[in-house]
PDB file of all heavy atoms in Angstrom:
ATOM      1  N   LEU A   1       0.851  -1.243   0.037  1.00  0.00           N
ATOM      2  CA  LEU A   1      -0.017  -0.018   0.005  1.00  0.00           C
ATOM      3  C   LEU A   1       0.812   1.254   0.013  1.00  0.00           C
ATOM      4  O   LEU A   1       1.712   1.447   0.886  1.00  0.00           O
ATOM      5  CB  LEU A   1      -0.920   0.025   1.249  1.00  0.00           C
ATOM      6  CG  LEU A   1      -1.654  -1.347   1.540  1.00  0.00           C
ATOM      7  CD1 LEU A   1      -2.427  -1.155   2.857  1.00  0.00           C
ATOM      8  CD2 LEU A   1      -2.575  -1.670   0.405  1.00  0.00           C
ATOM      9  N   ASP A   2       0.581   2.134  -1.012  1.00  0.00           N
ATOM     10  CA  ASP A   2       1.234   3.452  -0.978  1.00  0.00           C
ATOM     11  C   ASP A   2       0.699   4.296   0.210  1.00  0.00           C
ATOM     12  O   ASP A   2       1.431   5.100   0.739  1.00  0.00           O
ATOM     13  CB  ASP A   2       0.972   4.216  -2.282  1.00  0.00           C
ATOM     14  CG  ASP A   2       1.994   3.917  -3.329  1.00  0.00           C
ATOM     15  OD1 ASP A   2       2.975   3.180  -3.049  1.00  0.00           O
ATOM     16  OD2 ASP A   2       1.844   4.388  -4.467  1.00  0.00           O
ATOM     17  N   SER A   3      -0.556   4.142   0.460  1.00  0.00           N
ATOM     18  CA  SER A   3      -1.175   4.939   1.493  1.00  0.00           C
ATOM     19  C   SER A   3      -2.072   4.116   2.366  1.00  0.00           C
ATOM     20  O   SER A   3      -3.146   3.682   1.995  1.00  0.00           O
ATOM     21  CB  SER A   3      -2.034   6.105   0.920  1.00  0.00           C
ATOM     22  OG  SER A   3      -2.810   6.734   1.919  1.00  0.00           O
ATOM     23  N   ASN A   4      -1.618   3.844   3.631  1.00  0.00           N
ATOM     24  CA  ASN A   4      -2.349   3.102   4.569  1.00  0.00           C
ATOM     25  C   ASN A   4      -3.769   3.705   4.821  1.00  0.00           C
ATOM     26  O   ASN A   4      -4.758   2.989   4.715  1.00  0.00           O
ATOM     27  CB  ASN A   4      -1.536   3.020   5.879  1.00  0.00           C
ATOM     28  CG  ASN A   4      -2.188   2.228   6.989  1.00  0.00           C
ATOM     29  OD1 ASN A   4      -3.293   1.683   6.844  1.00  0.00           O
ATOM     30  ND2 ASN A   4      -1.496   2.154   8.166  1.00  0.00           N
ATOM     31  N   PRO A   5      -3.836   4.987   5.145  1.00  0.00           N
ATOM     32  CA  PRO A   5      -5.186   5.571   5.431  1.00  0.00           C
ATOM     33  C   PRO A   5      -6.134   5.513   4.221  1.00  0.00           C
ATOM     34  O   PRO A   5      -7.306   5.350   4.402  1.00  0.00           O
ATOM     35  CB  PRO A   5      -4.926   6.958   5.898  1.00  0.00           C
ATOM     36  CG  PRO A   5      -3.562   7.287   5.431  1.00  0.00           C
ATOM     37  CD  PRO A   5      -2.789   6.013   5.401  1.00  0.00           C
ATOM     38  N   GLU A   6      -5.597   5.761   3.031  1.00  0.00           N
ATOM     39  CA  GLU A   6      -6.469   5.736   1.872  1.00  0.00           C
ATOM     40  C   GLU A   6      -7.012   4.365   1.551  1.00  0.00           C
ATOM     41  O   GLU A   6      -8.202   4.162   1.173  1.00  0.00           O
ATOM     42  CB  GLU A   6      -5.803   6.379   0.688  1.00  0.00           C
ATOM     43  CG  GLU A   6      -5.613   7.872   0.731  1.00  0.00           C
ATOM     44  CD  GLU A   6      -4.968   8.520  -0.472  1.00  0.00           C
ATOM     45  OE1 GLU A   6      -4.814   7.775  -1.481  1.00  0.00           O
ATOM     46  OE2 GLU A   6      -4.663   9.689  -0.402  1.00  0.00           O
ATOM     47  N   PHE A   7      -6.200   3.350   1.703  1.00  0.00           N
ATOM     48  CA  PHE A   7      -6.635   1.953   1.502  1.00  0.00           C
ATOM     49  C   PHE A   7      -7.694   1.607   2.617  1.00  0.00           C
ATOM     50  O   PHE A   7      -8.710   0.993   2.317  1.00  0.00           O
ATOM     51  CB  PHE A   7      -5.523   1.008   1.449  1.00  0.00           C
ATOM     52  CG  PHE A   7      -5.933  -0.431   1.113  1.00  0.00           C
ATOM     53  CD1 PHE A   7      -6.102  -0.749  -0.218  1.00  0.00           C
ATOM     54  CD2 PHE A   7      -6.184  -1.347   2.057  1.00  0.00           C
ATOM     55  CE1 PHE A   7      -6.553  -2.091  -0.580  1.00  0.00           C
ATOM     56  CE2 PHE A   7      -6.631  -2.636   1.745  1.00  0.00           C
ATOM     57  CZ  PHE A   7      -6.800  -3.002   0.408  1.00  0.00           C
ATOM     58  N   THR A   8      -7.325   1.845   3.835  1.00  0.00           N
ATOM     59  CA  THR A   8      -8.237   1.628   4.976  1.00  0.00           C
ATOM     60  C   THR A   8      -9.572   2.305   4.705  1.00  0.00           C
ATOM     61  O   THR A   8     -10.642   1.699   4.885  1.00  0.00           O
ATOM     62  CB  THR A   8      -7.626   2.113   6.293  1.00  0.00           C
ATOM     63  OG1 THR A   8      -6.392   1.459   6.527  1.00  0.00           O
ATOM     64  CG2 THR A   8      -8.574   1.848   7.473  1.00  0.00           C
ATOM     65  N   ALA A   9      -9.575   3.502   4.236  1.00  0.00           N
ATOM     66  CA  ALA A   9     -10.714   4.251   3.933  1.00  0.00           C
ATOM     67  C   ALA A   9     -11.612   3.576   2.854  1.00  0.00           C
ATOM     68  O   ALA A   9     -12.810   3.540   2.935  1.00  0.00           O
ATOM     69  CB  ALA A   9     -10.375   5.738   3.485  1.00  0.00           C
ATOM     70  N   SER A  10     -10.914   3.075   1.834  1.00  0.00           N
ATOM     71  CA  SER A  10     -11.609   2.375   0.741  1.00  0.00           C
ATOM     72  C   SER A  10     -12.340   1.140   1.237  1.00  0.00           C
ATOM     73  O   SER A  10     -13.407   0.837   0.788  1.00  0.00           O
ATOM     74  CB  SER A  10     -10.581   2.004  -0.366  1.00  0.00           C
ATOM     75  OG  SER A  10     -10.055   3.198  -0.884  1.00  0.00           O
ATOM     76  N   VAL A  11     -11.714   0.417   2.184  1.00  0.00           N
ATOM     77  CA  VAL A  11     -12.400  -0.784   2.776  1.00  0.00           C
ATOM     78  C   VAL A  11     -13.631  -0.263   3.624  1.00  0.00           C
ATOM     79  O   VAL A  11     -14.725  -0.827   3.412  1.00  0.00           O
ATOM     80  CB  VAL A  11     -11.437  -1.555   3.660  1.00  0.00           C
ATOM     81  CG1 VAL A  11     -12.196  -2.717   4.272  1.00  0.00           C
ATOM     82  CG2 VAL A  11     -10.226  -2.030   2.860  1.00  0.00           C
ATOM     83  N   ILE A  12     -13.438   0.712   4.381  1.00  0.00           N
ATOM     84  CA  ILE A  12     -14.520   1.214   5.262  1.00  0.00           C
ATOM     85  C   ILE A  12     -15.687   1.722   4.394  1.00  0.00           C
ATOM     86  O   ILE A  12     -16.856   1.419   4.761  1.00  0.00           O
ATOM     87  CB  ILE A  12     -14.001   2.356   6.135  1.00  0.00           C
ATOM     88  CG1 ILE A  12     -13.010   1.863   7.167  1.00  0.00           C
ATOM     89  CG2 ILE A  12     -15.159   3.171   6.747  1.00  0.00           C
ATOM     90  CD1 ILE A  12     -12.329   2.972   7.926  1.00  0.00           C
ATOM     91  N   VAL A  13     -15.480   2.386   3.279  1.00  0.00           N
ATOM     92  CA  VAL A  13     -16.539   2.946   2.481  1.00  0.00           C
ATOM     93  C   VAL A  13     -17.324   1.764   1.874  1.00  0.00           C
ATOM     94  O   VAL A  13     -18.528   1.866   1.757  1.00  0.00           O
ATOM     95  CB  VAL A  13     -15.996   3.914   1.441  1.00  0.00           C
ATOM     96  CG1 VAL A  13     -16.981   4.169   0.330  1.00  0.00           C
ATOM     97  CG2 VAL A  13     -15.607   5.191   2.146  1.00  0.00           C
ATOM     98  N   ALA A  14     -16.674   0.717   1.432  1.00  0.00           N
ATOM     99  CA  ALA A  14     -17.421  -0.456   0.922  1.00  0.00           C
ATOM    100  C   ALA A  14     -18.296  -1.086   2.030  1.00  0.00           C
ATOM    101  O   ALA A  14     -19.477  -1.435   1.749  1.00  0.00           O
ATOM    102  CB  ALA A  14     -16.415  -1.510   0.434  1.00  0.00           C
ATOM    103  N   TYR A  15     -17.774  -1.144   3.216  1.00  0.00           N
ATOM    104  CA  TYR A  15     -18.535  -1.683   4.316  1.00  0.00           C
ATOM    105  C   TYR A  15     -19.616  -0.721   4.803  1.00  0.00           C
ATOM    106  O   TYR A  15     -20.632  -1.119   5.361  1.00  0.00           O
ATOM    107  CB  TYR A  15     -17.652  -2.153   5.447  1.00  0.00           C
ATOM    108  CG  TYR A  15     -17.169  -3.562   5.209  1.00  0.00           C
ATOM    109  CD1 TYR A  15     -15.986  -3.763   4.548  1.00  0.00           C
ATOM    110  CD2 TYR A  15     -17.841  -4.667   5.620  1.00  0.00           C
ATOM    111  CE1 TYR A  15     -15.476  -5.064   4.279  1.00  0.00           C
ATOM    112  CE2 TYR A  15     -17.406  -5.968   5.363  1.00  0.00           C
ATOM    113  CZ  TYR A  15     -16.243  -6.149   4.680  1.00  0.00           C
ATOM    114  OH  TYR A  15     -15.804  -7.416   4.437  1.00  0.00           O
ATOM    115  N   ALA A  16     -19.436   0.553   4.568  1.00  0.00           N
ATOM    116  CA  ALA A  16     -20.512   1.570   4.870  1.00  0.00           C
ATOM    117  C   ALA A  16     -21.710   1.267   3.999  1.00  0.00           C
ATOM    118  O   ALA A  16     -22.855   1.406   4.473  1.00  0.00           O
ATOM    119  CB  ALA A  16     -19.991   2.918   4.660  1.00  0.00           C
ATOM    120  N   ARG A  17     -21.501   0.875   2.785  1.00  0.00           N
ATOM    121  CA  ARG A  17     -22.618   0.514   1.906  1.00  0.00           C
ATOM    122  C   ARG A  17     -23.381  -0.701   2.488  1.00  0.00           C
ATOM    123  O   ARG A  17     -24.618  -0.717   2.541  1.00  0.00           O
ATOM    124  CB  ARG A  17     -22.104   0.172   0.489  1.00  0.00           C
ATOM    125  CG  ARG A  17     -23.213  -0.316  -0.472  1.00  0.00           C
ATOM    126  CD  ARG A  17     -22.598  -0.674  -1.815  1.00  0.00           C
ATOM    127  NE  ARG A  17     -22.128   0.475  -2.563  1.00  0.00           N
ATOM    128  CZ  ARG A  17     -20.841   0.667  -2.801  1.00  0.00           C
ATOM    129  NH1 ARG A  17     -19.895  -0.175  -2.438  1.00  0.00           N
ATOM    130  NH2 ARG A  17     -20.439   1.761  -3.476  1.00  0.00           N
ATOM    131  N   ALA A  18     -22.609  -1.665   3.028  1.00  0.00           N
ATOM    132  CA  ALA A  18     -23.237  -2.827   3.624  1.00  0.00           C
ATOM    133  C   ALA A  18     -24.047  -2.409   4.854  1.00  0.00           C
ATOM    134  O   ALA A  18     -25.168  -2.904   5.050  1.00  0.00           O
ATOM    135  CB  ALA A  18     -22.170  -3.877   4.059  1.00  0.00           C
ATOM    136  N   ALA A  19     -23.514  -1.480   5.679  1.00  0.00           N
ATOM    137  CA  ALA A  19     -24.218  -1.077   6.845  1.00  0.00           C
ATOM    138  C   ALA A  19     -25.565  -0.403   6.477  1.00  0.00           C
ATOM    139  O   ALA A  19     -26.595  -0.618   7.062  1.00  0.00           O
ATOM    140  CB  ALA A  19     -23.363  -0.140   7.661  1.00  0.00           C
ATOM    141  N   TYR A  20     -25.497   0.405   5.433  1.00  0.00           N
ATOM    142  CA  TYR A  20     -26.682   1.084   4.952  1.00  0.00           C
ATOM    143  C   TYR A  20     -27.772   0.086   4.473  1.00  0.00           C
ATOM    144  O   TYR A  20     -28.933   0.193   4.834  1.00  0.00           O
ATOM    145  CB  TYR A  20     -26.316   2.047   3.778  1.00  0.00           C
ATOM    146  CG  TYR A  20     -27.451   2.676   3.066  1.00  0.00           C
ATOM    147  CD1 TYR A  20     -28.304   3.542   3.700  1.00  0.00           C
ATOM    148  CD2 TYR A  20     -27.624   2.504   1.689  1.00  0.00           C
ATOM    149  CE1 TYR A  20     -29.309   4.178   3.035  1.00  0.00           C
ATOM    150  CE2 TYR A  20     -28.648   3.082   1.011  1.00  0.00           C
ATOM    151  CZ  TYR A  20     -29.500   3.972   1.679  1.00  0.00           C
ATOM    152  OH  TYR A  20     -30.522   4.604   0.985  1.00  0.00           O
ATOM    153  N   ARG A  21     -27.351  -0.939   3.762  1.00  0.00           N
ATOM    154  CA  ARG A  21     -28.303  -1.940   3.224  1.00  0.00           C
ATOM    155  C   ARG A  21     -28.855  -2.729   4.346  1.00  0.00           C
ATOM    156  O   ARG A  21     -30.016  -3.073   4.381  1.00  0.00           O
ATOM    157  CB  ARG A  21     -27.578  -2.842   2.215  1.00  0.00           C
ATOM    158  CG  ARG A  21     -27.267  -2.114   0.897  1.00  0.00           C
ATOM    159  CD  ARG A  21     -26.487  -3.019  -0.025  1.00  0.00           C
ATOM    160  NE  ARG A  21     -26.444  -2.369  -1.399  1.00  0.00           N
ATOM    161  CZ  ARG A  21     -25.670  -2.875  -2.396  1.00  0.00           C
ATOM    162  NH1 ARG A  21     -25.018  -4.014  -2.175  1.00  0.00           N
ATOM    163  NH2 ARG A  21     -25.693  -2.320  -3.549  1.00  0.00           N
ATOM    164  N   MET A  22     -28.025  -3.112   5.331  1.00  0.00           N
ATOM    165  CA  MET A  22     -28.521  -3.934   6.437  1.00  0.00           C
ATOM    166  C   MET A  22     -29.538  -3.106   7.283  1.00  0.00           C
ATOM    167  O   MET A  22     -30.513  -3.728   7.761  1.00  0.00           O
ATOM    168  CB  MET A  22     -27.312  -4.357   7.293  1.00  0.00           C
ATOM    169  CG  MET A  22     -26.417  -5.313   6.544  1.00  0.00           C
ATOM    170  SD  MET A  22     -24.740  -5.480   7.252  1.00  0.00           S
ATOM    171  CE  MET A  22     -25.065  -6.667   8.528  1.00  0.00           C
ATOM    172  N   LYS A  23     -29.228  -1.857   7.448  1.00  0.00           N
ATOM    173  CA  LYS A  23     -30.195  -1.041   8.178  1.00  0.00           C
ATOM    174  C   LYS A  23     -31.516  -0.943   7.426  1.00  0.00           C
ATOM    175  O   LYS A  23     -32.637  -1.077   8.014  1.00  0.00           O
ATOM    176  CB  LYS A  23     -29.662   0.392   8.369  1.00  0.00           C
ATOM    177  CG  LYS A  23     -30.608   1.448   8.989  1.00  0.00           C
ATOM    178  CD  LYS A  23     -30.918   1.099  10.412  1.00  0.00           C
ATOM    179  CE  LYS A  23     -31.976   2.051  11.004  1.00  0.00           C
ATOM    180  NZ  LYS A  23     -31.461   3.404  11.271  1.00  0.00           N
ATOM    181  N   GLN A  24     -31.452  -0.855   6.119  1.00  0.00           N
ATOM    182  CA  GLN A  24     -32.675  -0.795   5.313  1.00  0.00           C
ATOM    183  C   GLN A  24     -33.445  -2.107   5.410  1.00  0.00           C
ATOM    184  O   GLN A  24     -34.683  -2.073   5.334  1.00  0.00           O
ATOM    185  CB  GLN A  24     -32.319  -0.551   3.851  1.00  0.00           C
ATOM    186  CG  GLN A  24     -31.919   0.873   3.506  1.00  0.00           C
ATOM    187  CD  GLN A  24     -31.719   1.064   2.005  1.00  0.00           C
ATOM    188  OE1 GLN A  24     -31.063   0.295   1.364  1.00  0.00           O
ATOM    189  NE2 GLN A  24     -32.319   2.100   1.470  1.00  0.00           N
ATOM    190  N   GLU A  25     -32.810  -3.190   5.602  1.00  0.00           N
ATOM    191  CA  GLU A  25     -33.452  -4.496   5.772  1.00  0.00           C
ATOM    192  C   GLU A  25     -33.949  -4.748   7.196  1.00  0.00           C
ATOM    193  O   GLU A  25     -34.517  -5.820   7.426  1.00  0.00           O
ATOM    194  CB  GLU A  25     -32.500  -5.606   5.336  1.00  0.00           C
ATOM    195  CG  GLU A  25     -32.235  -5.610   3.836  1.00  0.00           C
ATOM    196  CD  GLU A  25     -31.271  -6.706   3.381  1.00  0.00           C
ATOM    197  OE1 GLU A  25     -30.980  -7.577   4.208  1.00  0.00           O
ATOM    198  OE2 GLU A  25     -30.791  -6.714   2.224  1.00  0.00           O
ATOM    199  N   GLY A  26     -33.727  -3.829   8.049  1.00  0.00           N
ATOM    200  CA  GLY A  26     -34.324  -3.943   9.399  1.00  0.00           C
ATOM    201  C   GLY A  26     -33.350  -4.579  10.436  1.00  0.00           C
ATOM    202  O   GLY A  26     -33.780  -4.852  11.526  1.00  0.00           O
TER     203      GLY A  26
END
């Protein structure tokens, strides 16, 4: 990784999508 925080952020943002969908499903 050239940038630890940018890669970490990219993982987090993908999982943020999962959190949003899971909340929508109740």
